[in-house]
N, C-alpha and C. Protein backbone atom coordinates (compact mmCIF):
# COMPACT_ATOMS: atom_id res chain seq x y z
N UNK A 1 103.52 120.33 106.08
CA UNK A 1 103.61 120.75 107.46
C UNK A 1 104.33 122.11 107.52
N UNK A 2 103.79 123.01 108.21
CA UNK A 2 104.37 124.35 108.31
C UNK A 2 105.40 124.41 109.41
N UNK A 3 106.37 125.30 109.21
CA UNK A 3 107.40 125.52 110.21
C UNK A 3 106.79 126.31 111.36
N UNK A 4 106.89 125.79 112.56
CA UNK A 4 106.31 126.46 113.72
C UNK A 4 107.37 127.25 114.47
N UNK A 5 108.37 127.72 113.74
CA UNK A 5 109.44 128.52 114.31
C UNK A 5 108.87 129.83 114.86
N UNK A 6 109.23 130.15 116.08
CA UNK A 6 108.74 131.38 116.70
C UNK A 6 109.52 132.56 116.11
N UNK A 7 108.81 133.51 115.55
CA UNK A 7 109.43 134.67 114.92
C UNK A 7 109.50 135.80 115.93
N UNK A 8 110.70 136.35 116.09
CA UNK A 8 110.89 137.46 117.03
C UNK A 8 110.96 138.76 116.23
N UNK A 9 109.99 139.63 116.44
CA UNK A 9 109.95 140.92 115.78
C UNK A 9 110.18 141.99 116.84
N UNK A 10 111.20 142.78 116.63
CA UNK A 10 111.54 143.86 117.56
C UNK A 10 111.14 145.19 116.95
N UNK A 11 110.62 146.06 117.75
CA UNK A 11 110.25 147.41 117.30
C UNK A 11 111.14 148.41 118.01
N UNK A 12 111.83 149.24 117.22
CA UNK A 12 112.71 150.25 117.82
C UNK A 12 112.58 151.57 117.07
N UNK A 13 112.86 152.67 117.77
CA UNK A 13 112.81 153.97 117.11
C UNK A 13 113.91 154.10 116.05
N UNK A 14 113.63 154.83 115.02
CA UNK A 14 114.58 155.05 113.92
C UNK A 14 115.90 155.64 114.45
N UNK A 15 115.82 156.57 115.39
CA UNK A 15 117.04 157.20 115.91
C UNK A 15 117.93 156.19 116.62
N UNK A 16 117.34 155.28 117.38
CA UNK A 16 118.12 154.25 118.06
C UNK A 16 118.73 153.29 117.05
N UNK A 17 117.99 152.95 116.02
CA UNK A 17 118.50 152.07 114.96
C UNK A 17 119.69 152.71 114.26
N UNK A 18 119.60 154.00 114.01
CA UNK A 18 120.66 154.72 113.32
C UNK A 18 121.97 154.65 114.10
N UNK A 19 121.89 154.85 115.40
CA UNK A 19 123.11 154.85 116.22
C UNK A 19 123.64 153.44 116.48
N UNK A 20 122.82 152.43 116.29
CA UNK A 20 123.22 151.04 116.54
C UNK A 20 123.11 150.18 115.29
N UNK A 21 123.30 150.77 114.13
CA UNK A 21 123.06 150.06 112.88
C UNK A 21 123.92 148.81 112.72
N UNK A 22 125.21 148.88 113.10
CA UNK A 22 126.08 147.73 112.97
C UNK A 22 125.60 146.55 113.80
N UNK A 23 125.26 146.81 115.06
CA UNK A 23 124.78 145.75 115.95
C UNK A 23 123.43 145.21 115.46
N UNK A 24 122.59 146.09 114.97
CA UNK A 24 121.28 145.70 114.44
C UNK A 24 121.46 144.76 113.25
N UNK A 25 122.35 145.14 112.33
CA UNK A 25 122.61 144.32 111.14
C UNK A 25 123.14 142.95 111.54
N UNK A 26 124.00 142.90 112.53
CA UNK A 26 124.57 141.64 113.00
C UNK A 26 123.47 140.73 113.56
N UNK A 27 122.58 141.28 114.35
CA UNK A 27 121.48 140.50 114.93
C UNK A 27 120.55 139.97 113.84
N UNK A 28 120.27 140.80 112.85
CA UNK A 28 119.40 140.38 111.75
C UNK A 28 120.06 139.24 110.98
N UNK A 29 121.33 139.39 110.66
CA UNK A 29 122.02 138.39 109.85
C UNK A 29 122.28 137.09 110.63
N UNK A 30 122.81 137.19 111.83
CA UNK A 30 123.20 136.00 112.58
C UNK A 30 122.04 135.31 113.30
N UNK A 31 121.16 136.10 113.88
CA UNK A 31 120.06 135.54 114.68
C UNK A 31 118.75 135.45 113.92
N UNK A 32 118.74 135.94 112.70
CA UNK A 32 117.52 135.94 111.87
C UNK A 32 116.38 136.68 112.56
N UNK A 33 116.72 137.76 113.25
CA UNK A 33 115.70 138.59 113.89
C UNK A 33 115.13 139.56 112.86
N UNK A 34 113.96 140.08 113.17
CA UNK A 34 113.31 141.10 112.34
C UNK A 34 113.18 142.37 113.17
N UNK A 35 113.26 143.51 112.49
CA UNK A 35 113.09 144.78 113.17
C UNK A 35 112.11 145.65 112.41
N UNK A 36 111.23 146.29 113.16
CA UNK A 36 110.35 147.33 112.62
C UNK A 36 110.89 148.65 113.16
N UNK A 37 111.23 149.55 112.27
CA UNK A 37 111.74 150.86 112.68
C UNK A 37 110.58 151.86 112.66
N UNK A 38 110.49 152.61 113.76
CA UNK A 38 109.40 153.58 113.91
C UNK A 38 109.93 155.01 113.89
N UNK A 39 109.14 155.88 113.33
CA UNK A 39 109.41 157.32 113.38
C UNK A 39 108.21 157.96 114.04
N UNK A 40 108.43 158.60 115.16
CA UNK A 40 107.35 159.22 115.94
C UNK A 40 106.27 158.20 116.30
N UNK A 41 106.70 156.96 116.60
CA UNK A 41 105.77 155.91 117.00
C UNK A 41 105.02 155.24 115.87
N UNK A 42 105.32 155.62 114.64
CA UNK A 42 104.64 155.05 113.48
C UNK A 42 105.59 154.09 112.77
N UNK A 43 105.17 152.83 112.55
CA UNK A 43 106.03 151.89 111.84
C UNK A 43 106.31 152.37 110.42
N UNK A 44 107.60 152.45 110.07
CA UNK A 44 107.99 152.98 108.76
C UNK A 44 108.55 151.89 107.85
N UNK A 45 109.52 151.12 108.36
CA UNK A 45 110.14 150.08 107.53
C UNK A 45 110.42 148.85 108.37
N UNK A 46 110.63 147.74 107.69
CA UNK A 46 111.04 146.50 108.33
C UNK A 46 112.41 146.09 107.82
N UNK A 47 113.17 145.43 108.67
CA UNK A 47 114.50 144.95 108.29
C UNK A 47 114.53 143.44 108.48
N UNK A 48 115.01 142.74 107.44
CA UNK A 48 115.15 141.29 107.49
C UNK A 48 116.44 140.90 106.78
N UNK A 49 116.89 139.66 107.00
CA UNK A 49 118.10 139.16 106.37
C UNK A 49 117.94 139.14 104.85
N UNK A 50 119.01 139.41 104.13
CA UNK A 50 118.97 139.49 102.67
C UNK A 50 118.55 138.17 102.04
N UNK A 51 118.98 137.03 102.58
CA UNK A 51 118.58 135.73 102.02
C UNK A 51 117.07 135.54 102.12
N UNK A 52 116.50 135.94 103.25
CA UNK A 52 115.05 135.82 103.42
C UNK A 52 114.31 136.77 102.48
N UNK A 53 114.87 137.95 102.28
CA UNK A 53 114.25 138.90 101.36
C UNK A 53 114.24 138.33 99.94
N UNK A 54 115.36 137.72 99.53
CA UNK A 54 115.41 137.11 98.20
C UNK A 54 114.36 136.01 98.07
N UNK A 55 114.22 135.18 99.10
CA UNK A 55 113.20 134.13 99.08
C UNK A 55 111.81 134.74 98.97
N UNK A 56 111.55 135.78 99.74
CA UNK A 56 110.25 136.46 99.71
C UNK A 56 109.96 137.00 98.31
N UNK A 57 110.96 137.66 97.73
CA UNK A 57 110.75 138.24 96.40
C UNK A 57 110.53 137.16 95.34
N UNK A 58 111.24 136.04 95.47
CA UNK A 58 111.05 134.93 94.54
C UNK A 58 109.63 134.40 94.61
N UNK A 59 109.07 134.34 95.82
CA UNK A 59 107.72 133.82 95.98
C UNK A 59 106.65 134.77 95.43
N UNK A 60 107.03 135.98 95.10
CA UNK A 60 106.08 136.90 94.49
C UNK A 60 105.87 136.57 93.01
N UNK A 61 106.76 135.73 92.44
CA UNK A 61 106.66 135.31 91.04
C UNK A 61 105.59 134.22 90.93
N UNK A 62 104.55 134.45 90.15
CA UNK A 62 103.48 133.45 90.02
C UNK A 62 103.98 132.10 89.52
N UNK A 63 105.00 132.10 88.67
CA UNK A 63 105.54 130.82 88.17
C UNK A 63 106.19 130.02 89.30
N UNK A 64 106.91 130.70 90.18
CA UNK A 64 107.54 130.02 91.32
C UNK A 64 106.47 129.44 92.24
N UNK A 65 105.41 130.19 92.49
CA UNK A 65 104.32 129.69 93.34
C UNK A 65 103.66 128.47 92.70
N UNK A 66 103.48 128.51 91.37
CA UNK A 66 102.86 127.39 90.67
C UNK A 66 103.77 126.15 90.74
N UNK A 67 105.07 126.33 90.60
CA UNK A 67 106.01 125.21 90.70
C UNK A 67 105.97 124.58 92.09
N UNK A 68 105.91 125.40 93.11
CA UNK A 68 105.85 124.90 94.49
C UNK A 68 104.55 124.14 94.71
N UNK A 69 103.45 124.68 94.20
CA UNK A 69 102.15 124.01 94.34
C UNK A 69 102.17 122.65 93.66
N UNK A 70 102.72 122.58 92.45
CA UNK A 70 102.79 121.31 91.73
C UNK A 70 103.68 120.32 92.47
N UNK A 71 104.79 120.79 92.99
CA UNK A 71 105.70 119.93 93.74
C UNK A 71 105.00 119.34 94.96
N UNK A 72 104.27 120.16 95.70
CA UNK A 72 103.53 119.68 96.86
C UNK A 72 102.47 118.65 96.47
N UNK A 73 101.81 118.88 95.35
CA UNK A 73 100.81 117.92 94.87
C UNK A 73 101.47 116.59 94.51
N UNK A 74 102.64 116.65 93.87
CA UNK A 74 103.38 115.43 93.51
C UNK A 74 103.76 114.63 94.75
N UNK A 75 104.21 115.31 95.79
CA UNK A 75 104.59 114.62 97.03
C UNK A 75 103.37 113.96 97.65
N UNK A 76 102.26 114.68 97.72
CA UNK A 76 101.04 114.11 98.31
C UNK A 76 100.54 112.90 97.52
N UNK A 77 100.74 112.92 96.19
CA UNK A 77 100.28 111.82 95.33
C UNK A 77 101.29 110.68 95.27
N UNK A 78 102.43 110.84 95.93
CA UNK A 78 103.44 109.78 95.94
C UNK A 78 104.32 109.76 94.71
N UNK A 79 104.29 110.81 93.91
CA UNK A 79 105.14 110.88 92.72
C UNK A 79 106.52 111.42 93.11
N UNK A 80 107.28 110.58 93.77
CA UNK A 80 108.62 110.97 94.22
C UNK A 80 109.61 109.88 93.83
N UNK A 81 110.92 110.21 93.94
CA UNK A 81 112.00 109.25 93.67
C UNK A 81 113.00 109.32 94.80
N UNK A 82 113.72 108.23 94.98
CA UNK A 82 114.77 108.24 95.99
C UNK A 82 115.94 109.07 95.49
N UNK A 83 116.80 109.47 96.40
CA UNK A 83 117.97 110.26 96.02
C UNK A 83 118.86 109.48 95.08
N UNK A 84 118.97 108.15 95.28
CA UNK A 84 119.79 107.31 94.40
C UNK A 84 119.26 107.32 92.97
N UNK A 85 117.94 107.25 92.82
CA UNK A 85 117.33 107.31 91.49
C UNK A 85 117.59 108.65 90.82
N UNK A 86 117.48 109.72 91.59
CA UNK A 86 117.71 111.05 91.05
C UNK A 86 119.15 111.22 90.59
N UNK A 87 120.09 110.76 91.41
CA UNK A 87 121.51 110.87 91.04
C UNK A 87 121.78 110.05 89.79
N UNK A 88 121.24 108.84 89.73
CA UNK A 88 121.44 107.98 88.56
C UNK A 88 120.90 108.64 87.29
N UNK A 89 119.80 109.36 87.41
CA UNK A 89 119.22 110.03 86.24
C UNK A 89 120.14 111.11 85.69
N UNK A 90 120.79 111.84 86.58
CA UNK A 90 121.64 112.94 86.15
C UNK A 90 123.08 112.52 85.90
N UNK A 91 123.45 111.30 86.29
CA UNK A 91 124.81 110.83 86.06
C UNK A 91 124.80 109.42 85.47
N UNK A 92 124.07 109.21 84.38
CA UNK A 92 123.99 107.85 83.83
C UNK A 92 125.33 107.36 83.28
N UNK A 93 126.15 108.27 82.79
CA UNK A 93 127.44 107.89 82.23
C UNK A 93 128.37 107.31 83.29
N UNK A 94 128.24 107.76 84.51
CA UNK A 94 129.10 107.27 85.60
C UNK A 94 128.82 105.78 85.84
N UNK A 95 127.56 105.40 85.86
CA UNK A 95 127.19 104.00 86.08
C UNK A 95 127.63 103.14 84.90
N UNK A 96 127.50 103.64 83.69
CA UNK A 96 127.89 102.90 82.49
C UNK A 96 129.40 102.68 82.49
N UNK A 97 130.19 103.70 82.80
CA UNK A 97 131.65 103.57 82.83
C UNK A 97 132.07 102.54 83.87
N UNK A 98 131.46 102.57 85.04
CA UNK A 98 131.81 101.63 86.10
C UNK A 98 131.48 100.20 85.66
N UNK A 99 130.36 100.02 85.00
CA UNK A 99 129.97 98.69 84.53
C UNK A 99 130.93 98.20 83.46
N UNK A 100 131.35 99.10 82.55
CA UNK A 100 132.28 98.73 81.50
C UNK A 100 133.63 98.34 82.08
N UNK A 101 134.11 99.04 83.09
CA UNK A 101 135.39 98.71 83.73
C UNK A 101 135.32 97.31 84.34
N UNK A 102 134.20 96.98 84.97
CA UNK A 102 134.05 95.68 85.59
C UNK A 102 134.05 94.57 84.53
N UNK A 103 133.48 94.83 83.38
CA UNK A 103 133.41 93.82 82.33
C UNK A 103 134.79 93.54 81.73
N UNK A 104 135.65 94.56 81.64
CA UNK A 104 136.97 94.42 81.03
C UNK A 104 137.91 93.61 81.90
N UNK A 105 137.70 93.63 83.18
CA UNK A 105 138.64 92.97 84.12
C UNK A 105 138.49 91.48 84.11
């Protein structure tokens, strides 16, 4: 299911962005807004939050896209585990120690 979040893209002149850069950066970071900066009415660059940019750049990696595709296929096929099973897999020693303590008492 896709996120149906409404994306707000603002278009402003480069000169206005320059004089209001601090406020612009705050809106991008806190409100997750996007800005297209124009020079002489021509779109030149876009501004987005750094976390979103990192996510975007990661998705450009074919291996990351393949991993996501495989994960989605696994979910659709029912090849999933509960969170308790996952934790037990990565912390098997914790369960063993607890069982041993109970046996000694």
